[in-house]
C-alpha atoms as a PDB file:
ATOM      1  CA  MET A   1      -5.655 -14.314  32.459  1.00  0.00           C
ATOM      2  CA  HIS A   2      -7.561 -16.513  30.113  1.00  0.00           C
ATOM      3  CA  VAL A   3      -8.205 -16.277  26.423  1.00  0.00           C
ATOM      4  CA  ILE A   4     -11.831 -17.249  25.622  1.00  0.00           C
ATOM      5  CA  PRO A   5     -12.848 -16.873  21.946  1.00  0.00           C
ATOM      6  CA  ALA A   6     -16.236 -15.196  21.637  1.00  0.00           C
ATOM      7  CA  ASP A   7     -18.669 -17.329  19.640  1.00  0.00           C
ATOM      8  CA  VAL A   8     -20.339 -14.451  17.794  1.00  0.00           C
ATOM      9  CA  GLU A   9     -20.880 -13.411  14.272  1.00  0.00           C
ATOM     10  CA  GLU A  10     -18.989 -10.195  13.613  1.00  0.00           C
ATOM     11  CA  LEU A  11     -20.637  -7.242  11.842  1.00  0.00           C
ATOM     12  CA  ALA A  12     -19.086  -6.774   8.424  1.00  0.00           C
ATOM     13  CA  GLY A  13     -20.591  -3.544   7.398  1.00  0.00           C
ATOM     14  CA  GLY A  14     -23.512  -0.985   7.437  1.00  0.00           C
ATOM     15  CA  LEU A  15     -21.611   1.179   9.987  1.00  0.00           C
ATOM     16  CA  PRO A  16     -18.849   3.786   9.736  1.00  0.00           C
ATOM     17  CA  PRO A  17     -15.426   2.065  10.584  1.00  0.00           C
ATOM     18  CA  ARG A  18     -15.060   3.482  14.142  1.00  0.00           C
ATOM     19  CA  ASP A  19     -18.675   2.434  15.041  1.00  0.00           C
ATOM     20  CA  LEU A  20     -18.212  -1.028  13.458  1.00  0.00           C
ATOM     21  CA  VAL A  21     -14.957  -1.798  15.511  1.00  0.00           C
ATOM     22  CA  LEU A  22     -16.706  -0.701  18.640  1.00  0.00           C
ATOM     23  CA  ALA A  23     -19.820  -2.742  17.958  1.00  0.00           C
ATOM     24  CA  ASN A  24     -17.720  -5.895  17.227  1.00  0.00           C
ATOM     25  CA  ALA A  25     -15.683  -5.341  20.378  1.00  0.00           C
ATOM     26  CA  ASP A  26     -18.903  -4.982  22.422  1.00  0.00           C
ATOM     27  CA  LEU A  27     -20.325  -8.219  20.870  1.00  0.00           C
ATOM     28  CA  LYS A  28     -17.214 -10.115  21.787  1.00  0.00           C
ATOM     29  CA  ALA A  29     -16.928  -8.656  25.254  1.00  0.00           C
ATOM     30  CA  MET A  30     -20.573  -9.276  26.180  1.00  0.00           C
ATOM     31  CA  ALA A  31     -20.666 -12.857  24.873  1.00  0.00           C
ATOM     32  CA  VAL A  32     -17.817 -13.777  27.105  1.00  0.00           C
ATOM     33  CA  ALA A  33     -18.773 -11.611  30.099  1.00  0.00           C
ATOM     34  CA  ALA A  34     -22.251 -13.375  30.105  1.00  0.00           C
ATOM     35  CA  LYS A  35     -20.396 -16.473  31.332  1.00  0.00           C
ATOM     36  CA  LEU A  36     -17.999 -14.844  33.814  1.00  0.00           C
ATOM     37  CA  ARG A  37     -19.620 -13.051  36.680  1.00  0.00           C
ATOM     38  CA  GLY A  38     -17.161 -10.605  38.304  1.00  0.00           C
ATOM     39  CA  ASP A  39     -14.338 -11.084  35.884  1.00  0.00           C
ATOM     40  CA  LEU A  40     -12.851  -8.264  33.827  1.00  0.00           C
ATOM     41  CA  VAL A  41     -13.358  -8.987  30.143  1.00  0.00           C
ATOM     42  CA  LEU A  42     -11.745  -7.341  27.123  1.00  0.00           C
ATOM     43  CA  GLY A  43     -13.276  -7.516  23.604  1.00  0.00           C
ATOM     44  CA  ALA A  44     -11.407  -5.992  20.651  1.00  0.00           C
ATOM     45  CA  ASP A  45     -11.630  -5.703  16.905  1.00  0.00           C
ATOM     46  CA  THR A  46      -9.127  -4.166  14.378  1.00  0.00           C
ATOM     47  CA  VAL A  47      -9.595  -3.029  10.890  1.00  0.00           C
ATOM     48  CA  VAL A  48      -7.531  -1.332   8.258  1.00  0.00           C
ATOM     49  CA  VAL A  49      -9.115   1.683   6.586  1.00  0.00           C
ATOM     50  CA  LEU A  50      -8.166   3.244   3.249  1.00  0.00           C
ATOM     51  CA  ASP A  51     -10.173   6.113   1.976  1.00  0.00           C
ATOM     52  CA  GLY A  52     -13.048   5.289   4.210  1.00  0.00           C
ATOM     53  CA  GLU A  53     -13.221   1.649   3.004  1.00  0.00           C
ATOM     54  CA  ILE A  54     -12.459  -1.153   5.406  1.00  0.00           C
ATOM     55  CA  LEU A  55      -9.884  -3.606   4.091  1.00  0.00           C
ATOM     56  CA  GLY A  56     -10.527  -6.816   5.877  1.00  0.00           C
ATOM     57  CA  LYS A  57      -8.668 -10.168   5.743  1.00  0.00           C
ATOM     58  CA  PRO A  58      -7.923 -11.151   2.148  1.00  0.00           C
ATOM     59  CA  ARG A  59      -9.805 -13.982   0.460  1.00  0.00           C
ATOM     60  CA  ASP A  60      -6.716 -15.443  -1.252  1.00  0.00           C
ATOM     61  CA  LEU A  61      -3.109 -14.508  -2.306  1.00  0.00           C
ATOM     62  CA  ASP A  62      -4.328 -12.545  -5.310  1.00  0.00           C
ATOM     63  CA  HIS A  63      -6.661 -10.500  -3.139  1.00  0.00           C
ATOM     64  CA  ALA A  64      -3.757  -9.871  -0.671  1.00  0.00           C
ATOM     65  CA  ALA A  65      -1.546  -8.682  -3.499  1.00  0.00           C
ATOM     66  CA  GLU A  66      -4.358  -6.324  -4.635  1.00  0.00           C
ATOM     67  CA  MET A  67      -4.764  -4.927  -1.082  1.00  0.00           C
ATOM     68  CA  LEU A  68      -1.045  -4.323  -0.769  1.00  0.00           C
ATOM     69  CA  GLY A  69      -0.901  -2.683  -4.160  1.00  0.00           C
ATOM     70  CA  ARG A  70      -3.696  -0.156  -3.153  1.00  0.00           C
ATOM     71  CA  LEU A  71      -1.847   0.472   0.192  1.00  0.00           C
ATOM     72  CA  GLY A  72       1.527   1.062  -1.497  1.00  0.00           C
ATOM     73  CA  GLY A  73       2.725   4.673  -1.435  1.00  0.00           C
ATOM     74  CA  ARG A  74      -0.197   5.644   0.603  1.00  0.00           C
ATOM     75  CA  ILE A  75      -1.340   6.427   4.137  1.00  0.00           C
ATOM     76  CA  HIS A  76      -4.030   4.353   5.816  1.00  0.00           C
ATOM     77  CA  GLU A  77      -5.566   4.064   9.311  1.00  0.00           C
ATOM     78  CA  VAL A  78      -5.626   1.090  11.601  1.00  0.00           C
ATOM     79  CA  LEU A  79      -8.551   1.233  14.067  1.00  0.00           C
ATOM     80  CA  THR A  80      -8.994  -0.920  17.071  1.00  0.00           C
ATOM     81  CA  GLY A  81     -12.181  -0.924  19.077  1.00  0.00           C
ATOM     82  CA  VAL A  82     -11.813  -2.011  22.703  1.00  0.00           C
ATOM     83  CA  SER A  83     -14.694  -2.820  25.097  1.00  0.00           C
ATOM     84  CA  LEU A  84     -13.778  -3.463  28.684  1.00  0.00           C
ATOM     85  CA  LEU A  85     -16.483  -4.677  31.059  1.00  0.00           C
ATOM     86  CA  ARG A  86     -16.858  -6.631  34.256  1.00  0.00           C
ATOM     87  CA  GLY A  87     -19.154  -9.659  34.030  1.00  0.00           C
ATOM     88  CA  GLY A  88     -22.419  -9.184  36.030  1.00  0.00           C
ATOM     89  CA  SER A  89     -21.867  -5.414  36.346  1.00  0.00           C
ATOM     90  CA  LEU A  90     -22.605  -2.288  34.380  1.00  0.00           C
ATOM     91  CA  VAL A  91     -19.112  -0.921  34.669  1.00  0.00           C
ATOM     92  CA  ARG A  92     -17.734  -0.564  31.053  1.00  0.00           C
ATOM     93  CA  CYS A  93     -15.119   1.370  29.153  1.00  0.00           C
ATOM     94  CA  ARG A  94     -15.054   1.654  25.366  1.00  0.00           C
ATOM     95  CA  PHE A  95     -12.624   3.434  23.092  1.00  0.00           C
ATOM     96  CA  VAL A  96     -11.228   3.316  19.586  1.00  0.00           C
ATOM     97  CA  GLU A  97      -7.421   3.599  19.050  1.00  0.00           C
ATOM     98  CA  SER A  98      -6.407   5.153  15.741  1.00  0.00           C
ATOM     99  CA  THR A  99      -2.931   4.836  14.161  1.00  0.00           C
ATOM    100  CA  ARG A 100      -1.962   6.200  10.753  1.00  0.00           C
ATOM    101  CA  VAL A 101       0.496   4.032   8.698  1.00  0.00           C
ATOM    102  CA  ALA A 102       2.343   5.311   5.688  1.00  0.00           C
ATOM    103  CA  PHE A 103       3.560   2.600   3.157  1.00  0.00           C
ATOM    104  CA  ARG A 104       6.483   2.801   0.885  1.00  0.00           C
ATOM    105  CA  PRO A 105       5.585   2.700  -2.901  1.00  0.00           C
ATOM    106  CA  LEU A 106       5.370  -0.970  -3.709  1.00  0.00           C
ATOM    107  CA  ASP A 107       5.779  -2.782  -7.080  1.00  0.00           C
ATOM    108  CA  ALA A 108       4.736  -6.187  -8.091  1.00  0.00           C
ATOM    109  CA  SER A 109       8.078  -7.790  -7.277  1.00  0.00           C
ATOM    110  CA  SER A 110       8.265  -6.299  -3.756  1.00  0.00           C
ATOM    111  CA  ILE A 111       4.729  -7.312  -3.056  1.00  0.00           C
ATOM    112  CA  SER A 112       5.336 -10.930  -4.263  1.00  0.00           C
ATOM    113  CA  SER A 113       8.512 -11.176  -2.203  1.00  0.00           C
ATOM    114  CA  TYR A 114       6.718  -9.917   0.952  1.00  0.00           C
ATOM    115  CA  LEU A 115       3.778 -12.266   0.492  1.00  0.00           C
ATOM    116  CA  SER A 116       6.157 -15.282   0.077  1.00  0.00           C
ATOM    117  CA  GLY A 117       7.405 -14.658   3.662  1.00  0.00           C
ATOM    118  CA  ILE A 118       4.211 -14.300   5.491  1.00  0.00           C
ATOM    119  CA  ASN A 119       0.617 -15.697   5.762  1.00  0.00           C
ATOM    120  CA  PRO A 120      -1.511 -12.644   4.840  1.00  0.00           C
ATOM    121  CA  LEU A 121      -4.820 -14.517   4.854  1.00  0.00           C
ATOM    122  CA  ASP A 122      -5.422 -13.917   8.660  1.00  0.00           C
ATOM    123  CA  LYS A 123      -4.434 -10.364   8.698  1.00  0.00           C
ATOM    124  CA  ALA A 124      -6.578  -7.292   8.058  1.00  0.00           C
ATOM    125  CA  GLY A 125      -5.004  -5.372   5.220  1.00  0.00           C
ATOM    126  CA  ALA A 126      -2.867  -8.432   4.287  1.00  0.00           C
ATOM    127  CA  TYR A 127       0.219  -7.384   6.276  1.00  0.00           C
ATOM    128  CA  ALA A 128       1.854  -7.870   9.659  1.00  0.00           C
ATOM    129  CA  ALA A 129       3.704  -4.839  11.137  1.00  0.00           C
ATOM    130  CA  GLN A 130       5.693  -7.121  13.518  1.00  0.00           C
ATOM    131  CA  GLU A 131       7.078  -8.957  10.543  1.00  0.00           C
ATOM    132  CA  ASP A 132       7.616  -5.894   8.293  1.00  0.00           C
ATOM    133  CA  ARG A 133      11.372  -5.101   8.830  1.00  0.00           C
ATOM    134  CA  GLY A 134      11.002  -1.919   6.868  1.00  0.00           C
ATOM    135  CA  ARG A 135       9.670  -3.715   3.682  1.00  0.00           C
ATOM    136  CA  LEU A 136       6.315  -2.036   3.469  1.00  0.00           C
ATOM    137  CA  ILE A 137       6.000   0.527   6.306  1.00  0.00           C
ATOM    138  CA  GLU A 138       7.643   3.906   5.800  1.00  0.00           C
ATOM    139  CA  ARG A 139       6.402   5.416   9.085  1.00  0.00           C
ATOM    140  CA  ILE A 140       3.781   4.948  11.879  1.00  0.00           C
ATOM    141  CA  GLU A 141       1.915   7.919  13.539  1.00  0.00           C
ATOM    142  CA  GLY A 142       0.621   6.652  16.750  1.00  0.00           C
ATOM    143  CA  SER A 143       0.783   3.281  18.586  1.00  0.00           C
ATOM    144  CA  ILE A 144       2.662   0.583  16.860  1.00  0.00           C
ATOM    145  CA  GLU A 145       0.984  -1.841  19.419  1.00  0.00           C
ATOM    146  CA  ASN A 146      -2.269  -0.990  17.809  1.00  0.00           C
ATOM    147  CA  VAL A 147      -0.967  -1.909  14.370  1.00  0.00           C
ATOM    148  CA  ILE A 148       0.532  -5.135  15.662  1.00  0.00           C
ATOM    149  CA  GLY A 149      -2.607  -6.115  17.428  1.00  0.00           C
ATOM    150  CA  LEU A 150      -3.776  -4.390  20.678  1.00  0.00           C
ATOM    151  CA  PRO A 151      -3.063  -0.901  22.052  1.00  0.00           C
ATOM    152  CA  VAL A 152      -1.695  -2.331  25.450  1.00  0.00           C
ATOM    153  CA  ALA A 153      -0.673   0.969  26.971  1.00  0.00           C
ATOM    154  CA  ARG A 154      -4.167   2.455  26.433  1.00  0.00           C
ATOM    155  CA  VAL A 155      -5.838  -0.638  27.721  1.00  0.00           C
ATOM    156  CA  ILE A 156      -3.764  -0.595  31.008  1.00  0.00           C
ATOM    157  CA  THR A 157      -4.673   3.135  31.372  1.00  0.00           C
ATOM    158  CA  ALA A 158      -8.368   2.398  30.881  1.00  0.00           C
ATOM    159  CA  ILE A 159      -8.324  -0.516  33.303  1.00  0.00           C
ATOM    160  CA  GLU A 160      -6.623   1.711  35.906  1.00  0.00           C
ATOM    161  CA  ALA A 161      -9.096   4.574  35.408  1.00  0.00           C
ATOM    162  CA  HIS A 162     -12.274   2.550  35.296  1.00  0.00           C
ATOM    163  CA  PHE A 163     -11.827  -0.702  37.216  1.00  0.00           C
ATOM    164  CA  ILE A 164      -9.057  -0.577  39.690  1.00  0.00           C
ATOM    165  CA  GLY A 165     -10.436   0.111  43.227  1.00  0.00           C
ATOM    166  CA  ARG A 166     -13.944  -0.654  42.168  1.00  0.00           C
ATOM    167  CA  SER A 167     -15.673  -3.819  43.354  1.00  0.00           C
ATOM    168  CA  GLY A 168     -13.815  -6.956  42.314  1.00  0.00           C
ATOM    169  CA  GLY A 169     -10.949  -4.728  40.912  1.00  0.00           C
END
């Protein structure tokens, strides 16, 4: 396995969240697959959605605090679009994994304390489930792997269903 960053400009809007994560996953996978004939390529994109609005990565710590304040005491959705394809082939599998995340009510002090312990600037929604330890998240409905980064179990199922036993698989 190799991690190869896709040199693409991600789409930032203009599509419903589910379509957007799939389009970005496709862009990433196709950019890398164009260089790797016969190899299985995975492209993925994850966003946090609150009331239909995509919360991307915060601009700065004030923006991160604002995002967490909006998420506090509410349920939001984490969407990951996955695009699997084999370079030089038309074999492709795409899906969107959705996980609902309920946050505890948050006050300014708890938000400040949380932000002092993580780097929120590279995280959609300004939080990291793997570093939460019960500070923000009250419950998760669905795949915690999806919230942490990639719905691995679903990716493995998709690979087995669409690529194992096919040419090069």
